[in-house]
mmCIF file of all heavy atoms, coordinates in Angstrom:
data_MODEL
# 
_entry.id   MODEL 
# 
loop_
_atom_site.group_PDB 
_atom_site.id 
_atom_site.type_symbol 
_atom_site.label_atom_id 
_atom_site.label_alt_id 
_atom_site.label_comp_id 
_atom_site.label_asym_id 
_atom_site.label_entity_id 
_atom_site.label_seq_id 
_atom_site.pdbx_PDB_ins_code 
_atom_site.Cartn_x 
_atom_site.Cartn_y 
_atom_site.Cartn_z 
_atom_site.occupancy 
_atom_site.B_iso_or_equiv 
_atom_site.pdbx_formal_charge 
_atom_site.auth_seq_id 
_atom_site.auth_comp_id 
_atom_site.auth_asym_id 
_atom_site.auth_atom_id 
_atom_site.pdbx_PDB_model_num 
ATOM 1   N N   . ASN A 1 1  ? 116.655 84.779  96.304  1.00 0.00 ? 1  ASN A N   1 
ATOM 2   C CA  . ASN A 1 1  ? 116.407 83.782  97.330  1.00 0.00 ? 1  ASN A CA  1 
ATOM 3   C C   . ASN A 1 1  ? 115.549 82.642  96.821  1.00 0.00 ? 1  ASN A C   1 
ATOM 4   O O   . ASN A 1 1  ? 115.214 81.707  97.577  1.00 0.00 ? 1  ASN A O   1 
ATOM 5   C CB  . ASN A 1 1  ? 115.756 84.399  98.567  1.00 0.00 ? 1  ASN A CB  1 
ATOM 6   C CG  . ASN A 1 1  ? 116.728 85.311  99.335  1.00 0.00 ? 1  ASN A CG  1 
ATOM 7   O OD1 . ASN A 1 1  ? 117.938 85.155  99.205  1.00 0.00 ? 1  ASN A OD1 1 
ATOM 8   N ND2 . ASN A 1 1  ? 116.210 86.213  100.110 1.00 0.00 ? 1  ASN A ND2 1 
ATOM 9   N N   . GLY A 1 2  ? 115.090 82.713  95.557  1.00 0.00 ? 2  GLY A N   1 
ATOM 10  C CA  . GLY A 1 2  ? 114.245 81.686  94.994  1.00 0.00 ? 2  GLY A CA  1 
ATOM 11  C C   . GLY A 1 2  ? 112.827 81.728  95.463  1.00 0.00 ? 2  GLY A C   1 
ATOM 12  O O   . GLY A 1 2  ? 112.093 80.709  95.387  1.00 0.00 ? 2  GLY A O   1 
ATOM 13  N N   . GLU A 1 3  ? 112.346 82.905  95.890  1.00 0.00 ? 3  GLU A N   1 
ATOM 14  C CA  . GLU A 1 3  ? 110.977 82.979  96.460  1.00 0.00 ? 3  GLU A CA  1 
ATOM 15  C C   . GLU A 1 3  ? 109.938 83.079  95.321  1.00 0.00 ? 3  GLU A C   1 
ATOM 16  O O   . GLU A 1 3  ? 108.718 82.980  95.592  1.00 0.00 ? 3  GLU A O   1 
ATOM 17  C CB  . GLU A 1 3  ? 110.874 84.184  97.374  1.00 0.00 ? 3  GLU A CB  1 
ATOM 18  C CG  . GLU A 1 3  ? 111.722 84.073  98.624  1.00 0.00 ? 3  GLU A CG  1 
ATOM 19  C CD  . GLU A 1 3  ? 111.760 85.336  99.439  1.00 0.00 ? 3  GLU A CD  1 
ATOM 20  O OE1 . GLU A 1 3  ? 110.824 86.188  99.278  1.00 0.00 ? 3  GLU A OE1 1 
ATOM 21  O OE2 . GLU A 1 3  ? 112.728 85.520  100.254 1.00 0.00 ? 3  GLU A OE2 1 
ATOM 22  N N   . ASN A 1 4  ? 110.385 83.315  94.069  1.00 0.00 ? 4  ASN A N   1 
ATOM 23  C CA  . ASN A 1 4  ? 109.475 83.444  92.939  1.00 0.00 ? 4  ASN A CA  1 
ATOM 24  C C   . ASN A 1 4  ? 108.298 84.425  93.209  1.00 0.00 ? 4  ASN A C   1 
ATOM 25  O O   . ASN A 1 4  ? 107.134 84.071  93.008  1.00 0.00 ? 4  ASN A O   1 
ATOM 26  C CB  . ASN A 1 4  ? 108.884 82.085  92.538  1.00 0.00 ? 4  ASN A CB  1 
ATOM 27  C CG  . ASN A 1 4  ? 109.938 81.222  91.826  1.00 0.00 ? 4  ASN A CG  1 
ATOM 28  O OD1 . ASN A 1 4  ? 111.057 81.661  91.589  1.00 0.00 ? 4  ASN A OD1 1 
ATOM 29  N ND2 . ASN A 1 4  ? 109.563 80.026  91.504  1.00 0.00 ? 4  ASN A ND2 1 
ATOM 30  N N   . PRO A 1 5  ? 108.597 85.623  93.661  1.00 0.00 ? 5  PRO A N   1 
ATOM 31  C CA  . PRO A 1 5  ? 107.515 86.588  93.936  1.00 0.00 ? 5  PRO A CA  1 
ATOM 32  C C   . PRO A 1 5  ? 106.783 87.054  92.692  1.00 0.00 ? 5  PRO A C   1 
ATOM 33  O O   . PRO A 1 5  ? 107.348 87.054  91.577  1.00 0.00 ? 5  PRO A O   1 
ATOM 34  C CB  . PRO A 1 5  ? 108.256 87.769  94.569  1.00 0.00 ? 5  PRO A CB  1 
ATOM 35  C CG  . PRO A 1 5  ? 109.656 87.716  93.991  1.00 0.00 ? 5  PRO A CG  1 
ATOM 36  C CD  . PRO A 1 5  ? 109.950 86.243  93.802  1.00 0.00 ? 5  PRO A CD  1 
ATOM 37  N N   . GLU A 1 6  ? 105.496 87.363  92.839  1.00 0.00 ? 6  GLU A N   1 
ATOM 38  C CA  . GLU A 1 6  ? 104.745 88.051  91.758  1.00 0.00 ? 6  GLU A CA  1 
ATOM 39  C C   . GLU A 1 6  ? 104.977 89.526  91.908  1.00 0.00 ? 6  GLU A C   1 
ATOM 40  O O   . GLU A 1 6  ? 104.565 90.101  92.900  1.00 0.00 ? 6  GLU A O   1 
ATOM 41  C CB  . GLU A 1 6  ? 103.246 87.725  91.910  1.00 0.00 ? 6  GLU A CB  1 
ATOM 42  C CG  . GLU A 1 6  ? 102.900 86.262  91.596  1.00 0.00 ? 6  GLU A CG  1 
ATOM 43  C CD  . GLU A 1 6  ? 103.000 85.915  90.128  1.00 0.00 ? 6  GLU A CD  1 
ATOM 44  O OE1 . GLU A 1 6  ? 103.046 86.865  89.314  1.00 0.00 ? 6  GLU A OE1 1 
ATOM 45  O OE2 . GLU A 1 6  ? 103.073 84.730  89.807  1.00 0.00 ? 6  GLU A OE2 1 
ATOM 46  N N   . LEU A 1 7  ? 105.642 90.098  90.950  1.00 0.00 ? 7  LEU A N   1 
ATOM 47  C CA  . LEU A 1 7  ? 106.017 91.530  91.076  1.00 0.00 ? 7  LEU A CA  1 
ATOM 48  C C   . LEU A 1 7  ? 105.414 92.339  89.931  1.00 0.00 ? 7  LEU A C   1 
ATOM 49  O O   . LEU A 1 7  ? 105.539 91.984  88.765  1.00 0.00 ? 7  LEU A O   1 
ATOM 50  C CB  . LEU A 1 7  ? 107.545 91.684  91.012  1.00 0.00 ? 7  LEU A CB  1 
ATOM 51  C CG  . LEU A 1 7  ? 108.329 91.009  92.140  1.00 0.00 ? 7  LEU A CG  1 
ATOM 52  C CD1 . LEU A 1 7  ? 109.820 91.014  91.797  1.00 0.00 ? 7  LEU A CD1 1 
ATOM 53  C CD2 . LEU A 1 7  ? 108.074 91.696  93.464  1.00 0.00 ? 7  LEU A CD2 1 
ATOM 54  N N   . THR A 1 8  ? 104.746 93.442  90.279  1.00 0.00 ? 8  THR A N   1 
ATOM 55  C CA  . THR A 1 8  ? 104.278 94.348  89.256  1.00 0.00 ? 8  THR A CA  1 
ATOM 56  C C   . THR A 1 8  ? 105.447 95.188  88.795  1.00 0.00 ? 8  THR A C   1 
ATOM 57  O O   . THR A 1 8  ? 106.509 95.243  89.419  1.00 0.00 ? 8  THR A O   1 
ATOM 58  C CB  . THR A 1 8  ? 103.223 95.287  89.807  1.00 0.00 ? 8  THR A CB  1 
ATOM 59  O OG1 . THR A 1 8  ? 103.786 96.116  90.826  1.00 0.00 ? 8  THR A OG1 1 
ATOM 60  C CG2 . THR A 1 8  ? 102.044 94.489  90.429  1.00 0.00 ? 8  THR A CG2 1 
ATOM 61  N N   . THR A 1 9  ? 105.253 95.867  87.663  1.00 0.00 ? 9  THR A N   1 
ATOM 62  C CA  . THR A 1 9  ? 106.297 96.794  87.141  1.00 0.00 ? 9  THR A CA  1 
ATOM 63  C C   . THR A 1 9  ? 106.683 97.804  88.214  1.00 0.00 ? 9  THR A C   1 
ATOM 64  O O   . THR A 1 9  ? 107.892 98.079  88.457  1.00 0.00 ? 9  THR A O   1 
ATOM 65  C CB  . THR A 1 9  ? 105.729 97.540  85.920  1.00 0.00 ? 9  THR A CB  1 
ATOM 66  O OG1 . THR A 1 9  ? 105.426 96.589  84.911  1.00 0.00 ? 9  THR A OG1 1 
ATOM 67  C CG2 . THR A 1 9  ? 106.681 98.565  85.376  1.00 0.00 ? 9  THR A CG2 1 
ATOM 68  N N   . ARG A 1 10 ? 105.722 98.305  88.923  1.00 0.00 ? 10 ARG A N   1 
ATOM 69  C CA  . ARG A 1 10 ? 105.949 99.321  89.959  1.00 0.00 ? 10 ARG A CA  1 
ATOM 70  C C   . ARG A 1 10 ? 106.731 98.803  91.131  1.00 0.00 ? 10 ARG A C   1 
ATOM 71  O O   . ARG A 1 10 ? 107.470 99.517  91.803  1.00 0.00 ? 10 ARG A O   1 
ATOM 72  C CB  . ARG A 1 10 ? 104.560 99.876  90.405  1.00 0.00 ? 10 ARG A CB  1 
ATOM 73  C CG  . ARG A 1 10 ? 104.631 101.205 91.117  1.00 0.00 ? 10 ARG A CG  1 
ATOM 74  C CD  . ARG A 1 10 ? 103.223 101.701 91.386  1.00 0.00 ? 10 ARG A CD  1 
ATOM 75  N NE  . ARG A 1 10 ? 102.505 102.025 90.153  1.00 0.00 ? 10 ARG A NE  1 
ATOM 76  C CZ  . ARG A 1 10 ? 102.572 103.196 89.503  1.00 0.00 ? 10 ARG A CZ  1 
ATOM 77  N NH1 . ARG A 1 10 ? 103.357 104.152 89.987  1.00 0.00 ? 10 ARG A NH1 1 
ATOM 78  N NH2 . ARG A 1 10 ? 101.872 103.411 88.406  1.00 0.00 ? 10 ARG A NH2 1 
ATOM 79  N N   . GLN A 1 11 ? 106.581 97.468  91.426  1.00 0.00 ? 11 GLN A N   1 
ATOM 80  C CA  . GLN A 1 11 ? 107.246 96.897  92.567  1.00 0.00 ? 11 GLN A CA  1 
ATOM 81  C C   . GLN A 1 11 ? 108.724 96.554  92.312  1.00 0.00 ? 11 GLN A C   1 
ATOM 82  O O   . GLN A 1 11 ? 109.523 96.329  93.222  1.00 0.00 ? 11 GLN A O   1 
ATOM 83  C CB  . GLN A 1 11 ? 106.543 95.630  93.029  1.00 0.00 ? 11 GLN A CB  1 
ATOM 84  C CG  . GLN A 1 11 ? 105.204 95.888  93.692  1.00 0.00 ? 11 GLN A CG  1 
ATOM 85  C CD  . GLN A 1 11 ? 104.423 94.609  93.922  1.00 0.00 ? 11 GLN A CD  1 
ATOM 86  O OE1 . GLN A 1 11 ? 104.405 93.700  93.108  1.00 0.00 ? 11 GLN A OE1 1 
ATOM 87  N NE2 . GLN A 1 11 ? 103.741 94.525  95.045  1.00 0.00 ? 11 GLN A NE2 1 
ATOM 88  N N   . LYS A 1 12 ? 109.131 96.518  91.024  1.00 0.00 ? 12 LYS A N   1 
ATOM 89  C CA  . LYS A 1 12 ? 110.488 96.122  90.670  1.00 0.00 ? 12 LYS A CA  1 
ATOM 90  C C   . LYS A 1 12 ? 111.463 97.306  90.560  1.00 0.00 ? 12 LYS A C   1 
ATOM 91  O O   . LYS A 1 12 ? 112.647 97.166  90.847  1.00 0.00 ? 12 LYS A O   1 
ATOM 92  C CB  . LYS A 1 12 ? 110.481 95.354  89.347  1.00 0.00 ? 12 LYS A CB  1 
ATOM 93  C CG  . LYS A 1 12 ? 109.909 93.952  89.471  1.00 0.00 ? 12 LYS A CG  1 
ATOM 94  C CD  . LYS A 1 12 ? 110.213 93.116  88.260  1.00 0.00 ? 12 LYS A CD  1 
ATOM 95  C CE  . LYS A 1 12 ? 109.451 93.589  87.013  1.00 0.00 ? 12 LYS A CE  1 
ATOM 96  N NZ  . LYS A 1 12 ? 109.696 92.706  85.850  1.00 0.00 ? 12 LYS A NZ  1 
ATOM 97  N N   . HIS A 1 13 ? 110.999 98.457  90.091  1.00 0.00 ? 13 HIS A N   1 
ATOM 98  C CA  . HIS A 1 13 ? 111.873 99.588  89.859  1.00 0.00 ? 13 HIS A CA  1 
ATOM 99  C C   . HIS A 1 13 ? 111.179 100.898 90.241  1.00 0.00 ? 13 HIS A C   1 
ATOM 100 O O   . HIS A 1 13 ? 109.967 101.016 90.197  1.00 0.00 ? 13 HIS A O   1 
ATOM 101 C CB  . HIS A 1 13 ? 112.234 99.722  88.371  1.00 0.00 ? 13 HIS A CB  1 
ATOM 102 C CG  . HIS A 1 13 ? 112.957 98.561  87.816  1.00 0.00 ? 13 HIS A CG  1 
ATOM 103 N ND1 . HIS A 1 13 ? 112.311 97.483  87.228  1.00 0.00 ? 13 HIS A ND1 1 
ATOM 104 C CD2 . HIS A 1 13 ? 114.296 98.270  87.751  1.00 0.00 ? 13 HIS A CD2 1 
ATOM 105 C CE1 . HIS A 1 13 ? 113.180 96.590  86.844  1.00 0.00 ? 13 HIS A CE1 1 
ATOM 106 N NE2 . HIS A 1 13 ? 114.385 97.033  87.116  1.00 0.00 ? 13 HIS A NE2 1 
ATOM 107 N N   . THR A 1 14 ? 111.998 101.851 90.575  1.00 0.00 ? 14 THR A N   1 
ATOM 108 C CA  . THR A 1 14 ? 111.562 103.252 90.623  1.00 0.00 ? 14 THR A CA  1 
ATOM 109 C C   . THR A 1 14 ? 112.346 104.048 89.610  1.00 0.00 ? 14 THR A C   1 
ATOM 110 O O   . THR A 1 14 ? 113.360 103.565 89.096  1.00 0.00 ? 14 THR A O   1 
ATOM 111 C CB  . THR A 1 14 ? 111.818 103.883 92.040  1.00 0.00 ? 14 THR A CB  1 
ATOM 112 O OG1 . THR A 1 14 ? 113.201 103.823 92.299  1.00 0.00 ? 14 THR A OG1 1 
ATOM 113 C CG2 . THR A 1 14 ? 111.033 103.099 93.109  1.00 0.00 ? 14 THR A CG2 1 
ATOM 114 N N   . ARG A 1 15 ? 111.861 105.224 89.279  1.00 0.00 ? 15 ARG A N   1 
ATOM 115 C CA  . ARG A 1 15 ? 112.543 106.075 88.317  1.00 0.00 ? 15 ARG A CA  1 
ATOM 116 C C   . ARG A 1 15 ? 112.787 107.451 88.930  1.00 0.00 ? 15 ARG A C   1 
ATOM 117 O O   . ARG A 1 15 ? 111.874 108.066 89.518  1.00 0.00 ? 15 ARG A O   1 
ATOM 118 C CB  . ARG A 1 15 ? 111.733 106.202 87.002  1.00 0.00 ? 15 ARG A CB  1 
ATOM 119 C CG  . ARG A 1 15 ? 111.615 104.875 86.277  1.00 0.00 ? 15 ARG A CG  1 
ATOM 120 C CD  . ARG A 1 15 ? 111.141 105.063 84.862  1.00 0.00 ? 15 ARG A CD  1 
ATOM 121 N NE  . ARG A 1 15 ? 111.017 103.797 84.115  1.00 0.00 ? 15 ARG A NE  1 
ATOM 122 C CZ  . ARG A 1 15 ? 112.008 103.159 83.549  1.00 0.00 ? 15 ARG A CZ  1 
ATOM 123 N NH1 . ARG A 1 15 ? 113.231 103.683 83.616  1.00 0.00 ? 15 ARG A NH1 1 
ATOM 124 N NH2 . ARG A 1 15 ? 111.830 102.034 82.895  1.00 0.00 ? 15 ARG A NH2 1 
ATOM 125 N N   . GLU A 1 16 ? 114.029 107.922 88.787  1.00 0.00 ? 16 GLU A N   1 
ATOM 126 C CA  . GLU A 1 16 ? 114.404 109.236 89.339  1.00 0.00 ? 16 GLU A CA  1 
ATOM 127 C C   . GLU A 1 16 ? 114.799 110.147 88.175  1.00 0.00 ? 16 GLU A C   1 
ATOM 128 O O   . GLU A 1 16 ? 115.688 109.760 87.384  1.00 0.00 ? 16 GLU A O   1 
ATOM 129 C CB  . GLU A 1 16 ? 115.588 109.087 90.331  1.00 0.00 ? 16 GLU A CB  1 
ATOM 130 C CG  . GLU A 1 16 ? 115.231 108.348 91.602  1.00 0.00 ? 16 GLU A CG  1 
ATOM 131 C CD  . GLU A 1 16 ? 116.468 108.167 92.501  1.00 0.00 ? 16 GLU A CD  1 
ATOM 132 O OE1 . GLU A 1 16 ? 117.521 108.766 92.206  1.00 0.00 ? 16 GLU A OE1 1 
ATOM 133 O OE2 . GLU A 1 16 ? 116.367 107.393 93.483  1.00 0.00 ? 16 GLU A OE2 1 
ATOM 134 N N   . CYS A 1 17 ? 114.179 111.311 88.103  1.00 0.00 ? 17 CYS A N   1 
ATOM 135 C CA  . CYS A 1 17 ? 114.410 112.234 86.988  1.00 0.00 ? 17 CYS A CA  1 
ATOM 136 C C   . CYS A 1 17 ? 115.038 113.526 87.505  1.00 0.00 ? 17 CYS A C   1 
ATOM 137 O O   . CYS A 1 17 ? 114.536 114.119 88.448  1.00 0.00 ? 17 CYS A O   1 
ATOM 138 C CB  . CYS A 1 17 ? 113.146 112.565 86.244  1.00 0.00 ? 17 CYS A CB  1 
ATOM 139 S SG  . CYS A 1 17 ? 112.186 111.114 85.755  1.00 0.00 ? 17 CYS A SG  1 
ATOM 140 N N   . TYR A 1 18 ? 116.117 113.941 86.894  1.00 0.00 ? 18 TYR A N   1 
ATOM 141 C CA  . TYR A 1 18 ? 116.780 115.214 87.239  1.00 0.00 ? 18 TYR A CA  1 
ATOM 142 C C   . TYR A 1 18 ? 116.662 116.097 86.042  1.00 0.00 ? 18 TYR A C   1 
ATOM 143 O O   . TYR A 1 18 ? 117.214 115.821 84.965  1.00 0.00 ? 18 TYR A O   1 
ATOM 144 C CB  . TYR A 1 18 ? 118.216 114.990 87.637  1.00 0.00 ? 18 TYR A CB  1 
ATOM 145 C CG  . TYR A 1 18 ? 118.341 114.196 88.941  1.00 0.00 ? 18 TYR A CG  1 
ATOM 146 C CD1 . TYR A 1 18 ? 118.288 112.794 88.953  1.00 0.00 ? 18 TYR A CD1 1 
ATOM 147 C CD2 . TYR A 1 18 ? 118.427 114.839 90.185  1.00 0.00 ? 18 TYR A CD2 1 
ATOM 148 C CE1 . TYR A 1 18 ? 118.327 112.066 90.130  1.00 0.00 ? 18 TYR A CE1 1 
ATOM 149 C CE2 . TYR A 1 18 ? 118.494 114.146 91.347  1.00 0.00 ? 18 TYR A CE2 1 
ATOM 150 C CZ  . TYR A 1 18 ? 118.453 112.757 91.332  1.00 0.00 ? 18 TYR A CZ  1 
ATOM 151 O OH  . TYR A 1 18 ? 118.522 112.048 92.503  1.00 0.00 ? 18 TYR A OH  1 
ATOM 152 N N   . VAL A 1 19 ? 115.930 117.198 86.185  1.00 0.00 ? 19 VAL A N   1 
ATOM 153 C CA  . VAL A 1 19 ? 115.465 117.998 85.045  1.00 0.00 ? 19 VAL A CA  1 
ATOM 154 C C   . VAL A 1 19 ? 115.917 119.445 85.198  1.00 0.00 ? 19 VAL A C   1 
ATOM 155 O O   . VAL A 1 19 ? 115.725 120.060 86.240  1.00 0.00 ? 19 VAL A O   1 
ATOM 156 C CB  . VAL A 1 19 ? 113.933 117.958 84.910  1.00 0.00 ? 19 VAL A CB  1 
ATOM 157 C CG1 . VAL A 1 19 ? 113.468 118.808 83.726  1.00 0.00 ? 19 VAL A CG1 1 
ATOM 158 C CG2 . VAL A 1 19 ? 113.441 116.517 84.776  1.00 0.00 ? 19 VAL A CG2 1 
ATOM 159 N N   . VAL A 1 20 ? 116.515 119.950 84.125  1.00 0.00 ? 20 VAL A N   1 
ATOM 160 C CA  . VAL A 1 20 ? 116.802 121.389 84.012  1.00 0.00 ? 20 VAL A CA  1 
ATOM 161 C C   . VAL A 1 20 ? 115.725 122.019 83.149  1.00 0.00 ? 20 VAL A C   1 
ATOM 162 O O   . VAL A 1 20 ? 115.612 121.683 81.973  1.00 0.00 ? 20 VAL A O   1 
ATOM 163 C CB  . VAL A 1 20 ? 118.190 121.680 83.409  1.00 0.00 ? 20 VAL A CB  1 
ATOM 164 C CG1 . VAL A 1 20 ? 118.472 123.187 83.304  1.00 0.00 ? 20 VAL A CG1 1 
ATOM 165 C CG2 . VAL A 1 20 ? 119.292 120.951 84.223  1.00 0.00 ? 20 VAL A CG2 1 
ATOM 166 N N   . ALA A 1 21 ? 114.902 122.882 83.731  1.00 0.00 ? 21 ALA A N   1 
ATOM 167 C CA  . ALA A 1 21 ? 113.809 123.500 82.997  1.00 0.00 ? 21 ALA A CA  1 
ATOM 168 C C   . ALA A 1 21 ? 114.249 124.804 82.332  1.00 0.00 ? 21 ALA A C   1 
ATOM 169 O O   . ALA A 1 21 ? 115.184 125.486 82.856  1.00 0.00 ? 21 ALA A O   1 
ATOM 170 C CB  . ALA A 1 21 ? 112.640 123.775 83.925  1.00 0.00 ? 21 ALA A CB  1 
ATOM 171 N N   . GLU A 1 22 ? 113.665 125.129 81.194  1.00 0.00 ? 22 GLU A N   1 
ATOM 172 C CA  . GLU A 1 22 ? 113.907 126.417 80.549  1.00 0.00 ? 22 GLU A CA  1 
ATOM 173 C C   . GLU A 1 22 ? 113.390 127.529 81.485  1.00 0.00 ? 22 GLU A C   1 
ATOM 174 O O   . GLU A 1 22 ? 112.482 127.299 82.254  1.00 0.00 ? 22 GLU A O   1 
ATOM 175 C CB  . GLU A 1 22 ? 113.193 126.516 79.214  1.00 0.00 ? 22 GLU A CB  1 
ATOM 176 C CG  . GLU A 1 22 ? 113.580 125.469 78.173  1.00 0.00 ? 22 GLU A CG  1 
ATOM 177 C CD  . GLU A 1 22 ? 114.808 125.892 77.378  1.00 0.00 ? 22 GLU A CD  1 
ATOM 178 O OE1 . GLU A 1 22 ? 115.419 126.916 77.731  1.00 0.00 ? 22 GLU A OE1 1 
ATOM 179 O OE2 . GLU A 1 22 ? 115.157 125.179 76.424  1.00 0.00 ? 22 GLU A OE2 1 
ATOM 180 N N   . GLU A 1 23 ? 114.014 128.670 81.390  1.00 0.00 ? 23 GLU A N   1 
ATOM 181 C CA  . GLU A 1 23 ? 113.550 129.767 82.218  1.00 0.00 ? 23 GLU A CA  1 
ATOM 182 C C   . GLU A 1 23 ? 112.098 130.126 81.972  1.00 0.00 ? 23 GLU A C   1 
ATOM 183 O O   . GLU A 1 23 ? 111.678 130.258 80.821  1.00 0.00 ? 23 GLU A O   1 
ATOM 184 C CB  . GLU A 1 23 ? 114.452 131.010 81.930  1.00 0.00 ? 23 GLU A CB  1 
ATOM 185 C CG  . GLU A 1 23 ? 114.331 132.072 83.003  1.00 0.00 ? 23 GLU A CG  1 
ATOM 186 C CD  . GLU A 1 23 ? 115.344 133.231 82.833  1.00 0.00 ? 23 GLU A CD  1 
ATOM 187 O OE1 . GLU A 1 23 ? 116.370 132.982 82.163  1.00 0.00 ? 23 GLU A OE1 1 
ATOM 188 O OE2 . GLU A 1 23 ? 115.055 134.304 83.336  1.00 0.00 ? 23 GLU A OE2 1 
ATOM 189 N N   . GLY A 1 24 ? 111.308 130.186 83.042  1.00 0.00 ? 24 GLY A N   1 
ATOM 190 C CA  . GLY A 1 24 ? 109.917 130.524 82.897  1.00 0.00 ? 24 GLY A CA  1 
ATOM 191 C C   . GLY A 1 24 ? 109.011 129.353 82.511  1.00 0.00 ? 24 GLY A C   1 
ATOM 192 O O   . GLY A 1 24 ? 107.758 129.496 82.361  1.00 0.00 ? 24 GLY A O   1 
ATOM 193 N N   . ALA A 1 25 ? 109.570 128.124 82.364  1.00 0.00 ? 25 ALA A N   1 
ATOM 194 C CA  . ALA A 1 25 ? 108.781 126.982 81.968  1.00 0.00 ? 25 ALA A CA  1 
ATOM 195 C C   . ALA A 1 25 ? 107.850 126.555 83.111  1.00 0.00 ? 25 ALA A C   1 
ATOM 196 O O   . ALA A 1 25 ? 108.158 126.786 84.301  1.00 0.00 ? 25 ALA A O   1 
ATOM 197 C CB  . ALA A 1 25 ? 109.666 125.842 81.601  1.00 0.00 ? 25 ALA A CB  1 
ATOM 198 N N   . ASP A 1 26 ? 106.749 125.945 82.784  1.00 0.00 ? 26 ASP A N   1 
ATOM 199 C CA  . ASP A 1 26 ? 105.767 125.484 83.734  1.00 0.00 ? 26 ASP A CA  1 
ATOM 200 C C   . ASP A 1 26 ? 106.206 124.123 84.287  1.00 0.00 ? 26 ASP A C   1 
ATOM 201 O O   . ASP A 1 26 ? 106.018 123.081 83.680  1.00 0.00 ? 26 ASP A O   1 
ATOM 202 C CB  . ASP A 1 26 ? 104.386 125.321 83.042  1.00 0.00 ? 26 ASP A CB  1 
ATOM 203 C CG  . ASP A 1 26 ? 103.270 124.923 84.022  1.00 0.00 ? 26 ASP A CG  1 
ATOM 204 O OD1 . ASP A 1 26 ? 103.585 124.478 85.132  1.00 0.00 ? 26 ASP A OD1 1 
ATOM 205 O OD2 . ASP A 1 26 ? 102.121 125.029 83.632  1.00 0.00 ? 26 ASP A OD2 1 
ATOM 206 N N   . LYS A 1 27 ? 106.845 124.148 85.461  1.00 0.00 ? 27 LYS A N   1 
ATOM 207 C CA  . LYS A 1 27 ? 107.429 122.938 86.037  1.00 0.00 ? 27 LYS A CA  1 
ATOM 208 C C   . LYS A 1 27 ? 106.367 121.912 86.413  1.00 0.00 ? 27 LYS A C   1 
ATOM 209 O O   . LYS A 1 27 ? 106.578 120.696 86.298  1.00 0.00 ? 27 LYS A O   1 
ATOM 210 C CB  . LYS A 1 27 ? 108.293 123.280 87.256  1.00 0.00 ? 27 LYS A CB  1 
ATOM 211 C CG  . LYS A 1 27 ? 109.544 124.071 86.884  1.00 0.00 ? 27 LYS A CG  1 
ATOM 212 C CD  . LYS A 1 27 ? 110.384 124.377 88.123  1.00 0.00 ? 27 LYS A CD  1 
ATOM 213 C CE  . LYS A 1 27 ? 111.620 125.135 87.748  1.00 0.00 ? 27 LYS A CE  1 
ATOM 214 N NZ  . LYS A 1 27 ? 112.433 125.518 88.956  1.00 0.00 ? 27 LYS A NZ  1 
ATOM 215 N N   . ALA A 1 28 ? 105.233 122.372 86.867  1.00 0.00 ? 28 ALA A N   1 
ATOM 216 C CA  . ALA A 1 28 ? 104.159 121.438 87.240  1.00 0.00 ? 28 ALA A CA  1 
ATOM 217 C C   . ALA A 1 28 ? 103.651 120.654 86.028  1.00 0.00 ? 28 ALA A C   1 
ATOM 218 O O   . ALA A 1 28 ? 103.450 119.460 86.081  1.00 0.00 ? 28 ALA A O   1 
ATOM 219 C CB  . ALA A 1 28 ? 103.007 122.212 87.874  1.00 0.00 ? 28 ALA A CB  1 
ATOM 220 N N   . ARG A 1 29 ? 103.533 121.377 84.893  1.00 0.00 ? 29 ARG A N   1 
ATOM 221 C CA  . ARG A 1 29 ? 103.145 120.704 83.657  1.00 0.00 ? 29 ARG A CA  1 
ATOM 222 C C   . ARG A 1 29 ? 104.179 119.678 83.224  1.00 0.00 ? 29 ARG A C   1 
ATOM 223 O O   . ARG A 1 29 ? 103.853 118.578 82.796  1.00 0.00 ? 29 ARG A O   1 
ATOM 224 C CB  . ARG A 1 29 ? 102.897 121.738 82.539  1.00 0.00 ? 29 ARG A CB  1 
ATOM 225 C CG  . ARG A 1 29 ? 102.586 121.070 81.171  1.00 0.00 ? 29 ARG A CG  1 
ATOM 226 C CD  . ARG A 1 29 ? 102.597 122.068 80.025  1.00 0.00 ? 29 ARG A CD  1 
ATOM 227 N NE  . ARG A 1 29 ? 103.814 122.847 79.899  1.00 0.00 ? 29 ARG A NE  1 
ATOM 228 C CZ  . ARG A 1 29 ? 104.956 122.370 79.348  1.00 0.00 ? 29 ARG A CZ  1 
ATOM 229 N NH1 . ARG A 1 29 ? 105.062 121.127 78.942  1.00 0.00 ? 29 ARG A NH1 1 
ATOM 230 N NH2 . ARG A 1 29 ? 106.008 123.158 79.281  1.00 0.00 ? 29 ARG A NH2 1 
ATOM 231 N N   . ILE A 1 30 ? 105.466 120.076 83.268  1.00 0.00 ? 30 ILE A N   1 
ATOM 232 C CA  . ILE A 1 30 ? 106.549 119.180 82.854  1.00 0.00 ? 30 ILE A CA  1 
ATOM 233 C C   . ILE A 1 30 ? 106.550 117.916 83.690  1.00 0.00 ? 30 ILE A C   1 
ATOM 234 O O   . ILE A 1 30 ? 106.648 116.816 83.205  1.00 0.00 ? 30 ILE A O   1 
ATOM 235 C CB  . ILE A 1 30 ? 107.939 119.919 82.941  1.00 0.00 ? 30 ILE A CB  1 
ATOM 236 C CG1 . ILE A 1 30 ? 108.016 121.004 81.895  1.00 0.00 ? 30 ILE A CG1 1 
ATOM 237 C CG2 . ILE A 1 30 ? 109.076 118.908 82.801  1.00 0.00 ? 30 ILE A CG2 1 
ATOM 238 C CD1 . ILE A 1 30 ? 109.206 121.943 82.034  1.00 0.00 ? 30 ILE A CD1 1 
# 
Protein backbone atom coordinates (compact mmCIF):
# COMPACT_ATOMS: atom_id res chain seq x y z
CA ASN A 1 0.00 0.00 0.00
CA GLY A 2 3.05 2.27 0.00
CA GLU A 3 2.88 2.94 3.74
CA ASN A 4 6.67 2.43 4.15
CA PRO A 5 6.33 0.82 7.59
CA GLU A 6 9.31 0.35 9.92
CA LEU A 7 9.33 -3.41 10.42
CA THR A 8 11.53 -5.47 12.70
CA THR A 9 12.63 -8.96 11.65
CA ARG A 10 10.05 -10.36 14.05
CA GLN A 11 7.22 -8.28 12.55
CA LYS A 12 7.83 -9.50 8.98
CA HIS A 13 7.92 -13.29 9.35
CA THR A 14 7.14 -16.14 11.67
CA ARG A 15 8.81 -19.55 11.59
CA GLU A 16 7.02 -22.88 11.97
CA CYS A 17 9.07 -26.00 12.72
CA TYR A 18 7.82 -29.58 12.40
CA VAL A 19 10.22 -31.89 14.19
CA VAL A 20 10.52 -35.67 14.51
CA ALA A 21 12.51 -36.36 17.68
CA GLU A 22 14.60 -39.47 18.31
CA GLU A 23 13.02 -41.86 20.79
CA GLY A 24 13.74 -40.68 24.32
CA ALA A 25 15.17 -37.32 23.20
CA ASP A 26 14.73 -34.26 25.41
CA LYS A 27 12.09 -32.31 23.48
CA ALA A 28 12.26 -29.29 25.76
CA ARG A 29 16.00 -28.97 25.13
CA ILE A 30 15.54 -29.39 21.36
